[in-house]
Amino acid sequence: MKVAVAKESYPEERRVALVPAAIKPLVKKGVEVLIETGAGVAAGFSDDAYREAGADDRHAGRCLCRRLPAGGPHLRRWW
């Protein structure tokens, strides 16, 4: 199973879907956690903290999601 954590695109939003402390238990159970560069910065979590917890950011240059035109600027769909 894969879980992806995207950087929030809604203006002034500081929350993040998954904090680094929650990643270790997921990875231990075999879940692959993907993190978009800068996903936790507004919430006070560095990319290094996510990597140290076991998240994979090797695909940071590749887009993890795309915007849906009818859903507004903050709605995304994973593929």
C-alpha atoms as a PDB file:
ATOM      1  CA  MET A   1       0.000   0.000   0.000  1.00  0.00           C
ATOM      2  CA  LYS A   2       1.151   3.541  -0.707  1.00  0.00           C
ATOM      3  CA  VAL A   3       0.247   6.732   1.132  1.00  0.00           C
ATOM      4  CA  ALA A   4       1.140  10.095  -0.390  1.00  0.00           C
ATOM      5  CA  VAL A   5       1.391  13.352   1.527  1.00  0.00           C
ATOM      6  CA  ALA A   6       0.918  16.412  -0.666  1.00  0.00           C
ATOM      7  CA  LYS A   7       1.848  19.986   0.063  1.00  0.00           C
ATOM      8  CA  GLU A   8      -1.344  21.898   0.833  1.00  0.00           C
ATOM      9  CA  SER A   9      -2.274  24.342  -1.924  1.00  0.00           C
ATOM     10  CA  TYR A  10      -5.153  26.146  -0.206  1.00  0.00           C
ATOM     11  CA  PRO A  11      -4.111  29.724   0.693  1.00  0.00           C
ATOM     12  CA  GLU A  12      -2.940  30.223   4.297  1.00  0.00           C
ATOM     13  CA  GLU A  13      -3.402  26.518   5.127  1.00  0.00           C
ATOM     14  CA  ARG A  14      -0.809  25.245   7.624  1.00  0.00           C
ATOM     15  CA  ARG A  15      -2.058  21.730   8.291  1.00  0.00           C
ATOM     16  CA  VAL A  16      -0.391  18.645   6.890  1.00  0.00           C
ATOM     17  CA  ALA A  17      -2.074  15.290   6.308  1.00  0.00           C
ATOM     18  CA  LEU A  18       0.587  13.221   8.086  1.00  0.00           C
ATOM     19  CA  VAL A  19       3.232  14.244  10.623  1.00  0.00           C
ATOM     20  CA  PRO A  20       6.647  12.551  10.757  1.00  0.00           C
ATOM     21  CA  ALA A  21       5.867  10.765  14.048  1.00  0.00           C
ATOM     22  CA  ALA A  22       2.994   8.915  12.352  1.00  0.00           C
ATOM     23  CA  ILE A  23       5.182   7.631   9.521  1.00  0.00           C
ATOM     24  CA  LYS A  24       7.348   5.143  11.423  1.00  0.00           C
ATOM     25  CA  PRO A  25       4.418   2.902  12.466  1.00  0.00           C
ATOM     26  CA  LEU A  26       3.100   2.910   8.888  1.00  0.00           C
ATOM     27  CA  VAL A  27       6.479   2.022   7.399  1.00  0.00           C
ATOM     28  CA  LYS A  28       6.903  -0.702  10.028  1.00  0.00           C
ATOM     29  CA  LYS A  29       3.661  -2.268   8.763  1.00  0.00           C
ATOM     30  CA  GLY A  30       4.888  -2.190   5.171  1.00  0.00           C
ATOM     31  CA  VAL A  31       3.202   0.983   3.949  1.00  0.00           C
ATOM     32  CA  GLU A  32       5.219   3.033   1.468  1.00  0.00           C
ATOM     33  CA  VAL A  33       4.902   6.714   2.387  1.00  0.00           C
ATOM     34  CA  LEU A  34       5.584   9.262  -0.367  1.00  0.00           C
ATOM     35  CA  ILE A  35       6.112  12.901   0.577  1.00  0.00           C
ATOM     36  CA  GLU A  36       5.905  15.948  -1.657  1.00  0.00           C
ATOM     37  CA  THR A  37       8.774  18.370  -1.066  1.00  0.00           C
ATOM     38  CA  GLY A  38       7.752  21.022   1.455  1.00  0.00           C
ATOM     39  CA  ALA A  39       4.552  19.261   2.488  1.00  0.00           C
ATOM     40  CA  GLY A  40       5.094  19.828   6.209  1.00  0.00           C
ATOM     41  CA  VAL A  41       7.051  23.074   6.217  1.00  0.00           C
ATOM     42  CA  ALA A  42       4.072  25.346   7.004  1.00  0.00           C
ATOM     43  CA  ALA A  43       3.200  23.058   9.929  1.00  0.00           C
ATOM     44  CA  GLY A  44       6.769  23.138  11.246  1.00  0.00           C
ATOM     45  CA  PHE A  45       8.050  19.799   9.894  1.00  0.00           C
ATOM     46  CA  SER A  46      11.131  19.716   7.665  1.00  0.00           C
ATOM     47  CA  ASP A  47      11.622  17.425   4.698  1.00  0.00           C
ATOM     48  CA  ASP A  48      14.539  15.890   6.613  1.00  0.00           C
ATOM     49  CA  ALA A  49      12.192  14.931   9.469  1.00  0.00           C
ATOM     50  CA  TYR A  50       9.993  13.049   7.004  1.00  0.00           C
ATOM     51  CA  ARG A  51      12.970  11.290   5.418  1.00  0.00           C
ATOM     52  CA  GLU A  52      14.347  10.312   8.828  1.00  0.00           C
ATOM     53  CA  ALA A  53      10.952   8.836   9.711  1.00  0.00           C
ATOM     54  CA  GLY A  54      11.043   6.668   6.588  1.00  0.00           C
ATOM     55  CA  ALA A  55       9.133   8.668   3.975  1.00  0.00           C
ATOM     56  CA  ASP A  56      10.276   8.466   0.370  1.00  0.00           C
ATOM     57  CA  ASP A  57      10.913  11.753  -1.414  1.00  0.00           C
ATOM     58  CA  ARG A  58      12.953  10.372  -4.314  1.00  0.00           C
ATOM     59  CA  HIS A  59      10.115  11.245  -6.683  1.00  0.00           C
ATOM     60  CA  ALA A  60       9.879  14.839  -5.491  1.00  0.00           C
ATOM     61  CA  GLY A  61      10.512  16.109  -8.999  1.00  0.00           C
ATOM     62  CA  ARG A  62       7.598  14.101 -10.364  1.00  0.00           C
ATOM     63  CA  CYS A  63       4.094  15.383  -9.743  1.00  0.00           C
ATOM     64  CA  LEU A  64       2.136  13.163  -7.342  1.00  0.00           C
ATOM     65  CA  CYS A  65      -1.198  14.736  -8.148  1.00  0.00           C
ATOM     66  CA  ARG A  66      -3.078  16.971 -10.537  1.00  0.00           C
ATOM     67  CA  ARG A  67      -5.667  19.675 -10.061  1.00  0.00           C
ATOM     68  CA  LEU A  68      -9.251  19.027 -11.067  1.00  0.00           C
ATOM     69  CA  PRO A  69     -10.656  22.012 -12.982  1.00  0.00           C
ATOM     70  CA  ALA A  70     -14.249  21.652 -11.732  1.00  0.00           C
ATOM     71  CA  GLY A  71     -13.273  21.130  -8.083  1.00  0.00           C
ATOM     72  CA  GLY A  72     -11.685  24.461  -7.346  1.00  0.00           C
ATOM     73  CA  PRO A  73      -8.034  25.370  -6.903  1.00  0.00           C
ATOM     74  CA  HIS A  74      -7.513  23.310  -3.746  1.00  0.00           C
ATOM     75  CA  LEU A  75      -8.951  19.968  -4.841  1.00  0.00           C
ATOM     76  CA  ARG A  76      -6.509  17.354  -6.093  1.00  0.00           C
ATOM     77  CA  ARG A  77      -6.758  13.752  -7.237  1.00  0.00           C
ATOM     78  CA  TRP A  78      -4.018  11.162  -6.748  1.00  0.00           C
ATOM     79  CA  TRP A  79      -2.899   8.767  -9.441  1.00  0.00           C
END
